Amino acid sequence: MSRIAGIITLGALTIMPLTVVADTDNSMQYTVDLRYRMEAIEQDGLANDAFASTARLRLGVQSAHWHGFDTGAMFHGTRVLGNRLYDDTVRNADRPVVADPADDNLSHAWLRYRPGPGFQARAGRQRIIDDNARFIGNVGFRQLEQTFDAASIAWQPSENWRLRVYYLDQANRVFGPNHPDPLLARADLDAWLGILSRHFGDLQADLYHHRLVFEDRPASHANTGIRLHGALPGTATFSWRLEYASQSGIEDEGPADSQDYIRVELARQRPGWRWFVGHERLGGDGEDAFQTPLATLHAHNGWADRFLTTPDNGLRDTWAGLATSAGAWQLLARAHDFRADRGGDNFGEELNLSAGRPLPGPLHTEIKLALFEGENGPPDTRKLWWTLTARW
């Protein structure tokens, strides 16, 4: 394990508004999570299609509280059911990639101290999701999630102020710890994150700085940004978001010139449905572009995953969507238009559709579809998923 994990492994922290409660739960808590997924892909330019049938198991335990301390651990593992008809980044390079290899790992192992309301400290192997996971996330869509060997402090001195500080020593990636390429198995880090949040009524403002030093690859960089989001003044149904960040290389690595990130969103919630529009710009100058290598990338820039690495000319993603329900089904449709930030070349369009619903007992099912029509580089891609989940 990494330096921190070698001392003591601790962990599952989701970066969300900090709520610290008194030690009222003195019982052990257990988690069992089973997920089956079928993924089928057609991608122009490859000789064969991909078909992946995989099952994931998560087993977790969290201790009772004792004088402000608690601890927990989680195991996760994935197995391929039937023939391996996809590129799992090790074999079958003539087929599209499905980043769900057969592997297993101790994904969480953590110790936490919460002496009272407003403060907690945690160290070890943990889940970290900052805001919408655009910069730091757990890649939760994949069967094996990304977790971090890290130490963290969260302090909330009042109802409106919150400060979070993280040190990241290692990222445990979704390709599994036994991947033959160590750069896919893990990322060795010497990284710091700081997020200062302030509430102004219905508005939340976050100032953040990330100093991400990669010790095993030339990807080190720093991000400094601000995001504002909340309800539009005087309304109960409109919400908005505005975010800006600047990225620069550090330790003679990363982009030679700083690159900018901009995100703008507007949404309206109505009884039974919701519409939303947005625009995201990741700057690029033809040689370097704004990158987010530790993000939950599947949640951004289309489910077809055509832009997991930002093109050198940058990326402009404009989208519009609608979410509604039909009985027990939750339905979502979203359309993307992708263009280069530098030069404005058309990269293509994408349509995302999903339908999910609860089933009897602990079961839930979802169907997702991504249709990408590429221009000027990215190939046409069609993806279909069916997922069945059971949680206890």
Protein backbone atom coordinates (compact mmCIF):
# COMPACT_ATOMS: atom_id res chain seq x y z
CA MET A 1 0.00 0.00 0.00
CA SER A 2 0.98 3.66 -0.18
CA ARG A 3 2.73 5.68 2.52
CA ILE A 4 -0.44 6.63 4.39
CA ALA A 5 -2.00 3.20 3.99
CA GLY A 6 1.23 1.67 5.26
CA ILE A 7 0.77 3.54 8.53
CA ILE A 8 -3.00 3.00 8.86
CA THR A 9 -5.64 2.52 6.18
CA LEU A 10 -8.80 4.57 6.61
CA GLY A 11 -11.62 5.82 4.61
CA ALA A 12 -14.91 6.22 2.74
CA LEU A 13 -15.45 9.97 2.62
CA THR A 14 -17.85 11.68 0.27
CA ILE A 15 -17.15 15.41 -0.05
CA MET A 16 -20.57 16.87 0.62
CA PRO A 17 -21.96 19.49 3.01
CA LEU A 18 -20.57 18.43 6.39
CA THR A 19 -23.13 17.19 8.88
CA VAL A 20 -21.62 15.96 12.14
CA VAL A 21 -23.91 14.27 14.63
CA ALA A 22 -23.49 13.03 18.16
CA ASP A 23 -22.56 9.39 18.73
CA THR A 24 -26.11 8.05 18.92
CA ASP A 25 -25.67 4.93 16.77
CA ASN A 26 -23.74 2.34 18.75
CA SER A 27 -24.37 -0.64 16.47
CA MET A 28 -22.31 -2.15 13.70
CA GLN A 29 -23.49 -1.33 10.17
CA TYR A 30 -23.16 -3.71 7.24
CA THR A 31 -23.44 -3.16 3.47
CA VAL A 32 -24.07 -5.73 0.74
CA ASP A 33 -24.24 -4.41 -2.84
CA LEU A 34 -24.62 -6.63 -5.91
CA ARG A 35 -24.65 -5.20 -9.43
CA TYR A 36 -24.98 -7.03 -12.74
CA ARG A 37 -24.33 -5.10 -15.95
CA MET A 38 -24.61 -5.89 -19.63
CA GLU A 39 -22.76 -3.44 -21.89
CA ALA A 40 -22.82 -3.62 -25.70
CA ILE A 41 -20.80 -1.29 -27.96
CA GLU A 42 -20.52 -0.67 -31.68
CA GLN A 43 -17.64 1.63 -32.66
CA ASP A 44 -16.62 2.57 -36.18
CA GLY A 45 -13.05 1.66 -37.07
CA LEU A 46 -12.86 -1.51 -34.97
CA ALA A 47 -13.18 -4.96 -36.48
CA ASN A 48 -15.52 -6.34 -33.82
CA ASP A 49 -18.19 -5.10 -31.43
CA ALA A 50 -17.94 -5.36 -27.65
CA PHE A 51 -20.21 -7.30 -25.32
CA ALA A 52 -19.49 -7.33 -21.59
CA SER A 53 -21.43 -9.30 -18.99
CA THR A 54 -20.02 -8.54 -15.53
CA ALA A 55 -21.09 -8.82 -11.90
CA ARG A 56 -19.80 -6.76 -9.00
CA LEU A 57 -19.94 -7.44 -5.27
CA ARG A 58 -19.34 -4.92 -2.48
CA LEU A 59 -19.19 -6.00 1.17
CA GLY A 60 -18.78 -3.27 3.77
CA VAL A 61 -18.74 -2.91 7.54
CA GLN A 62 -18.69 0.16 9.79
CA SER A 63 -18.05 -0.01 13.51
CA ALA A 64 -20.04 1.48 16.35
CA HIS A 65 -18.86 4.84 17.71
CA TRP A 66 -16.47 4.84 20.64
CA HIS A 67 -15.37 8.12 22.26
CA GLY A 68 -15.71 9.90 18.93
CA PHE A 69 -13.95 7.20 16.88
CA ASP A 70 -15.34 4.82 14.30
CA THR A 71 -13.79 2.74 11.55
CA GLY A 72 -14.86 0.80 8.49
CA ALA A 73 -13.78 -1.26 5.51
CA MET A 74 -15.20 -2.39 2.19
CA PHE A 75 -14.24 -5.12 -0.26
CA HIS A 76 -15.22 -4.95 -3.92
CA GLY A 77 -14.70 -7.45 -6.71
CA THR A 78 -15.81 -7.93 -10.32
CA ARG A 79 -16.12 -11.11 -12.35
CA VAL A 80 -16.82 -11.67 -16.06
CA LEU A 81 -19.81 -13.90 -16.78
CA GLY A 82 -19.43 -15.81 -20.04
CA ASN A 83 -16.93 -14.97 -22.76
CA ARG A 84 -14.78 -11.83 -22.50
CA LEU A 85 -15.87 -10.13 -25.73
CA TYR A 86 -14.45 -6.68 -25.05
CA ASP A 87 -11.18 -4.83 -24.62
CA ASP A 88 -10.58 -4.79 -20.88
CA THR A 89 -7.34 -2.77 -21.51
CA VAL A 90 -5.32 -6.01 -21.32
CA ARG A 91 -6.67 -8.16 -24.17
CA ASN A 92 -9.01 -8.01 -27.21
CA ALA A 93 -7.68 -4.71 -28.60
CA ASP A 94 -9.77 -5.27 -31.77
CA ARG A 95 -12.93 -4.52 -29.75
CA PRO A 96 -14.16 -1.37 -27.97
CA VAL A 97 -12.97 -0.74 -24.41
CA VAL A 98 -15.15 -1.62 -21.42
CA ALA A 99 -13.22 -0.55 -18.32
CA ASP A 100 -14.55 -3.38 -16.12
CA PRO A 101 -11.75 -5.94 -15.72
CA ALA A 102 -12.07 -8.95 -13.44
CA ASP A 103 -10.26 -8.00 -10.23
CA ASP A 104 -10.84 -7.40 -6.53
CA ASN A 105 -9.47 -5.17 -3.83
CA LEU A 106 -9.94 -3.68 -0.39
CA SER A 107 -11.49 -0.46 -1.66
CA HIS A 108 -12.10 1.25 1.72
CA ALA A 109 -10.25 0.90 5.03
CA TRP A 110 -10.53 3.92 7.29
CA LEU A 111 -10.52 5.44 10.75
CA ARG A 112 -12.44 8.61 11.64
CA TYR A 113 -12.48 10.94 14.64
CA ARG A 114 -15.54 13.12 15.35
CA PRO A 115 -15.21 14.73 18.77
CA GLY A 116 -18.37 16.80 18.36
CA PRO A 117 -20.47 18.87 15.98
CA GLY A 118 -18.52 20.73 13.34
CA PHE A 119 -15.29 18.73 13.06
CA GLN A 120 -14.10 15.41 11.72
CA ALA A 121 -10.76 13.93 10.66
CA ARG A 122 -10.30 10.82 8.58
CA ALA A 123 -7.29 8.98 7.18
CA GLY A 124 -6.73 5.94 4.99
CA ARG A 125 -8.37 4.45 1.93
CA GLN A 126 -11.49 6.47 1.23
CA ARG A 127 -14.03 7.60 -1.34
CA ILE A 128 -13.73 11.30 -2.24
CA ILE A 129 -16.34 13.08 -4.36
CA ASP A 130 -16.02 16.84 -4.61
CA ASP A 131 -19.27 18.54 -5.66
CA ASN A 132 -20.32 17.13 -9.09
CA ALA A 133 -17.11 15.04 -9.40
CA ARG A 134 -15.80 17.17 -12.29
CA PHE A 135 -12.32 17.31 -10.74
CA ILE A 136 -12.26 14.59 -8.04
CA GLY A 137 -14.60 11.59 -8.02
CA ASN A 138 -15.04 7.87 -7.47
CA VAL A 139 -15.98 6.91 -11.07
CA GLY A 140 -19.02 5.20 -9.57
CA PHE A 141 -20.49 4.09 -12.90
CA ARG A 142 -17.73 1.53 -13.40
CA GLN A 143 -17.86 -1.76 -11.53
CA LEU A 144 -14.65 -1.10 -9.53
CA GLU A 145 -14.70 2.39 -8.07
CA GLN A 146 -11.79 4.82 -7.71
CA THR A 147 -10.76 5.46 -4.12
CA PHE A 148 -7.86 7.34 -2.55
CA ASP A 149 -5.27 6.70 0.15
CA ALA A 150 -5.69 10.03 1.84
CA ALA A 151 -6.03 12.10 5.00
CA SER A 152 -8.78 14.68 5.40
CA ILE A 153 -10.09 17.31 7.80
CA ALA A 154 -13.54 18.93 7.63
CA TRP A 155 -14.37 21.88 9.87
CA GLN A 156 -17.70 23.68 10.04
CA PRO A 157 -17.40 26.52 12.59
CA SER A 158 -20.90 27.84 11.83
CA GLU A 159 -23.97 27.00 9.78
CA ASN A 160 -22.76 29.03 6.79
CA TRP A 161 -19.02 28.28 6.70
CA ARG A 162 -17.23 25.03 5.91
CA LEU A 163 -13.55 24.21 5.25
CA ARG A 164 -12.21 20.92 3.89
CA VAL A 165 -8.56 19.99 3.40
CA TYR A 166 -7.28 16.74 1.86
CA TYR A 167 -3.91 15.15 1.30
CA LEU A 168 -3.89 12.45 -1.42
CA ASP A 169 -1.12 9.88 -1.49
CA GLN A 170 -2.48 7.41 -4.05
CA ALA A 171 -5.44 6.95 -6.39
CA ASN A 172 -6.62 3.35 -6.67
CA ARG A 173 -8.04 3.25 -10.17
CA VAL A 174 -11.01 1.44 -11.72
CA PHE A 175 -8.80 -0.94 -13.73
CA GLY A 176 -7.98 -2.90 -10.58
CA PRO A 177 -4.84 -3.30 -8.45
CA ASN A 178 -3.53 -6.28 -10.44
CA HIS A 179 -3.54 -4.58 -13.84
CA PRO A 180 -0.22 -5.34 -15.63
CA ASP A 181 0.24 -1.62 -16.39
CA PRO A 182 0.97 0.07 -13.04
CA LEU A 183 -0.12 3.45 -14.47
CA LEU A 184 -3.62 2.02 -14.92
CA ALA A 185 -3.65 0.21 -11.59
CA ARG A 186 -2.84 3.29 -9.51
CA ALA A 187 -1.56 6.85 -9.57
CA ASP A 188 1.19 7.83 -7.11
CA LEU A 189 0.35 11.27 -5.79
CA ASP A 190 1.64 14.05 -3.57
CA ALA A 191 -1.49 16.15 -3.78
CA TRP A 192 -3.38 18.72 -1.71
CA LEU A 193 -6.98 19.88 -2.04
CA GLY A 194 -8.57 22.81 -0.25
CA ILE A 195 -12.25 23.85 -0.50
CA LEU A 196 -13.74 26.80 1.40
CA SER A 197 -17.55 27.06 1.23
CA ARG A 198 -19.92 29.84 2.25
CA HIS A 199 -23.73 29.93 2.15
CA PHE A 200 -25.55 33.17 1.40
CA GLY A 201 -29.17 32.13 1.83
CA ASP A 202 -30.00 29.95 -1.20
CA LEU A 203 -26.60 30.64 -2.80
CA GLN A 204 -23.51 28.53 -2.13
CA ALA A 205 -20.03 29.78 -3.05
CA ASP A 206 -16.98 27.48 -3.13
CA LEU A 207 -13.38 28.59 -3.48
CA TYR A 208 -11.02 25.72 -4.26
CA HIS A 209 -7.38 25.00 -5.00
CA HIS A 210 -5.94 21.64 -6.09
CA ARG A 211 -2.20 21.00 -6.18
CA LEU A 212 -1.97 17.63 -7.94
CA VAL A 213 1.56 16.25 -8.18
CA PHE A 214 1.76 12.92 -10.04
CA GLU A 215 4.98 11.13 -9.11
CA ASP A 216 4.71 8.43 -11.79
CA ARG A 217 3.70 10.37 -14.94
CA PRO A 218 4.06 13.85 -16.50
CA ALA A 219 0.61 15.14 -15.54
CA SER A 220 1.19 17.42 -12.52
CA HIS A 221 -0.93 20.57 -12.43
CA ALA A 222 -2.75 23.04 -10.19
CA ASN A 223 -6.37 24.20 -10.40
CA THR A 224 -7.71 27.35 -8.78
CA GLY A 225 -11.39 28.14 -9.12
CA ILE A 226 -14.70 29.42 -7.82
CA ARG A 227 -18.20 28.00 -8.25
CA LEU A 228 -21.55 29.58 -7.44
CA HIS A 229 -24.78 27.62 -7.44
CA GLY A 230 -28.25 27.65 -5.95
CA ALA A 231 -31.79 28.85 -6.57
CA LEU A 232 -32.43 31.96 -8.64
CA PRO A 233 -33.44 34.85 -6.34
CA GLY A 234 -37.17 35.12 -5.92
CA THR A 235 -37.94 31.70 -7.45
CA ALA A 236 -38.52 28.24 -6.07
CA THR A 237 -38.25 26.32 -9.35
CA PHE A 238 -35.18 27.74 -11.15
CA SER A 239 -31.61 26.78 -10.23
CA TRP A 240 -28.33 27.95 -11.72
CA ARG A 241 -24.61 27.32 -11.63
CA LEU A 242 -21.58 29.35 -12.69
CA GLU A 243 -18.01 28.05 -12.36
CA TYR A 244 -14.58 29.24 -13.44
CA ALA A 245 -11.16 27.64 -12.91
CA SER A 246 -7.62 28.15 -14.17
CA GLN A 247 -5.16 25.28 -14.65
CA SER A 248 -1.38 25.57 -14.86
CA GLY A 249 1.51 23.13 -14.90
CA ILE A 250 3.73 22.63 -11.86
CA GLU A 251 7.18 21.10 -11.40
CA ASP A 252 7.92 21.71 -15.10
CA GLU A 253 5.01 19.46 -16.07
CA GLY A 254 1.47 19.90 -17.33
CA PRO A 255 0.39 22.75 -19.62
CA ALA A 256 3.11 25.29 -20.40
CA ASP A 257 0.46 28.03 -20.48
CA SER A 258 -2.53 28.24 -18.17
CA GLN A 259 -5.85 26.91 -19.50
CA ASP A 260 -9.33 27.99 -18.44
CA TYR A 261 -12.46 26.10 -17.44
CA ILE A 262 -15.97 27.60 -17.57
CA ARG A 263 -19.32 25.98 -16.77
CA VAL A 264 -22.78 27.58 -16.93
CA GLU A 265 -26.05 25.77 -16.14
CA LEU A 266 -29.73 26.67 -15.80
CA ALA A 267 -32.53 24.30 -14.79
CA ARG A 268 -36.20 24.44 -13.87
CA GLN A 269 -38.01 21.93 -11.68
CA ARG A 270 -41.74 21.50 -12.24
CA PRO A 271 -44.17 18.95 -10.78
CA GLY A 272 -43.30 15.68 -12.51
CA TRP A 273 -40.58 16.98 -14.82
CA ARG A 274 -37.40 19.04 -15.07
CA TRP A 275 -35.61 20.73 -17.96
CA PHE A 276 -31.98 21.85 -18.01
CA VAL A 277 -29.43 23.48 -20.33
CA GLY A 278 -25.70 24.00 -19.93
CA HIS A 279 -22.40 24.85 -21.52
CA GLU A 280 -18.91 23.74 -20.52
CA ARG A 281 -15.61 24.97 -21.93
CA LEU A 282 -12.26 23.24 -21.35
CA GLY A 283 -9.59 25.45 -22.86
CA GLY A 284 -6.93 24.25 -25.30
CA ASP A 285 -4.25 25.96 -27.39
CA GLY A 286 -3.37 23.19 -29.88
CA GLU A 287 -0.61 21.76 -27.68
CA ASP A 288 -2.11 21.54 -24.18
CA ALA A 289 -5.65 21.44 -22.85
CA PHE A 290 -7.47 21.58 -19.52
CA GLN A 291 -7.47 18.03 -18.09
CA THR A 292 -9.28 16.39 -15.15
CA PRO A 293 -7.61 12.96 -14.77
CA LEU A 294 -9.10 12.19 -11.32
CA ALA A 295 -12.71 13.05 -12.22
CA THR A 296 -15.78 10.88 -12.68
CA LEU A 297 -15.55 11.48 -16.41
CA HIS A 298 -18.52 9.33 -17.45
CA ALA A 299 -20.83 11.89 -15.82
CA HIS A 300 -19.59 14.67 -18.12
CA ASN A 301 -19.33 15.23 -21.89
CA GLY A 302 -21.61 12.37 -22.87
CA TRP A 303 -22.01 8.74 -21.81
CA ALA A 304 -20.22 7.48 -24.94
CA ASP A 305 -16.95 8.54 -23.23
CA ARG A 306 -15.43 10.05 -26.37
CA PHE A 307 -13.68 12.85 -24.45
CA LEU A 308 -12.08 11.17 -21.43
CA THR A 309 -8.96 13.12 -22.42
CA THR A 310 -9.58 16.70 -23.54
CA PRO A 311 -8.39 17.22 -27.16
CA ASP A 312 -5.36 19.51 -27.60
CA ASN A 313 -7.63 22.17 -29.12
CA GLY A 314 -9.90 22.04 -26.06
CA LEU A 315 -13.57 21.19 -25.90
CA ARG A 316 -16.87 23.10 -25.86
CA ASP A 317 -19.84 21.00 -24.79
CA THR A 318 -23.35 22.48 -25.07
CA TRP A 319 -26.28 20.39 -23.83
CA ALA A 320 -30.00 20.43 -23.19
CA GLY A 321 -32.16 17.81 -21.53
CA LEU A 322 -35.42 16.78 -19.95
CA ALA A 323 -36.17 14.46 -17.02
CA THR A 324 -39.62 13.13 -16.14
CA SER A 325 -41.41 10.04 -14.86
CA ALA A 326 -43.90 7.53 -16.22
CA GLY A 327 -45.36 5.54 -13.37
CA ALA A 328 -42.43 4.03 -11.48
CA TRP A 329 -40.01 4.75 -14.34
CA GLN A 330 -37.60 7.71 -14.13
CA LEU A 331 -36.79 8.93 -17.65
CA LEU A 332 -33.98 11.15 -18.91
CA ALA A 333 -33.05 12.51 -22.35
CA ARG A 334 -30.06 14.76 -23.05
CA ALA A 335 -28.45 16.02 -26.28
CA HIS A 336 -24.84 17.28 -26.60
CA ASP A 337 -23.07 19.35 -29.24
CA PHE A 338 -19.26 19.09 -29.13
CA ARG A 339 -16.85 21.56 -30.69
CA ALA A 340 -13.17 22.48 -30.38
CA ASP A 341 -12.44 25.43 -28.13
CA ARG A 342 -9.63 26.57 -30.47
CA GLY A 343 -10.79 26.86 -34.08
CA GLY A 344 -14.38 25.74 -33.42
CA ASP A 345 -14.19 22.46 -35.39
CA ASN A 346 -17.27 20.27 -35.00
CA PHE A 347 -16.41 17.11 -33.03
CA GLY A 348 -19.91 15.62 -33.23
CA GLU A 349 -23.25 15.25 -31.51
CA GLU A 350 -24.53 12.80 -28.93
CA LEU A 351 -27.91 11.68 -27.61
CA ASN A 352 -28.19 10.08 -24.14
CA LEU A 353 -31.34 8.26 -22.98
CA SER A 354 -32.01 6.42 -19.73
CA ALA A 355 -34.93 4.72 -17.96
CA GLY A 356 -34.73 3.34 -14.43
CA ARG A 357 -37.13 2.09 -11.79
CA PRO A 358 -37.21 0.28 -8.45
CA LEU A 359 -38.25 -3.37 -8.40
CA PRO A 360 -39.62 -5.42 -5.49
CA GLY A 361 -37.42 -5.65 -2.41
CA PRO A 362 -33.86 -4.33 -2.72
CA LEU A 363 -33.77 -4.41 -6.53
CA HIS A 364 -33.39 -1.57 -9.01
CA THR A 365 -32.95 -1.68 -12.78
CA GLU A 366 -31.78 0.82 -15.40
CA ILE A 367 -31.39 0.93 -19.18
CA LYS A 368 -29.06 3.51 -20.78
CA LEU A 369 -28.29 4.36 -24.39
CA ALA A 370 -25.60 6.62 -25.89
CA LEU A 371 -25.58 7.49 -29.61
CA PHE A 372 -22.53 9.49 -30.72
CA GLU A 373 -22.06 10.74 -34.29
CA GLY A 374 -18.48 11.92 -34.67
CA GLU A 375 -16.95 14.58 -36.89
CA ASN A 376 -13.30 15.55 -37.45
CA GLY A 377 -11.76 12.72 -35.47
CA PRO A 378 -13.90 10.89 -32.89
CA PRO A 379 -15.52 7.75 -34.38
CA ASP A 380 -19.26 7.06 -34.40
CA THR A 381 -20.11 5.07 -31.28
CA ARG A 382 -23.26 3.38 -30.02
CA LYS A 383 -23.49 2.02 -26.44
CA LEU A 384 -26.26 0.17 -24.61
CA TRP A 385 -26.32 -0.78 -20.92
CA TRP A 386 -28.69 -2.82 -18.80
CA THR A 387 -28.04 -2.84 -15.07
CA LEU A 388 -29.69 -4.76 -12.21
CA THR A 389 -28.72 -3.76 -8.66
CA ALA A 390 -29.53 -5.19 -5.25
CA ARG A 391 -28.56 -3.36 -2.05
CA TRP A 392 -28.99 -4.27 1.60
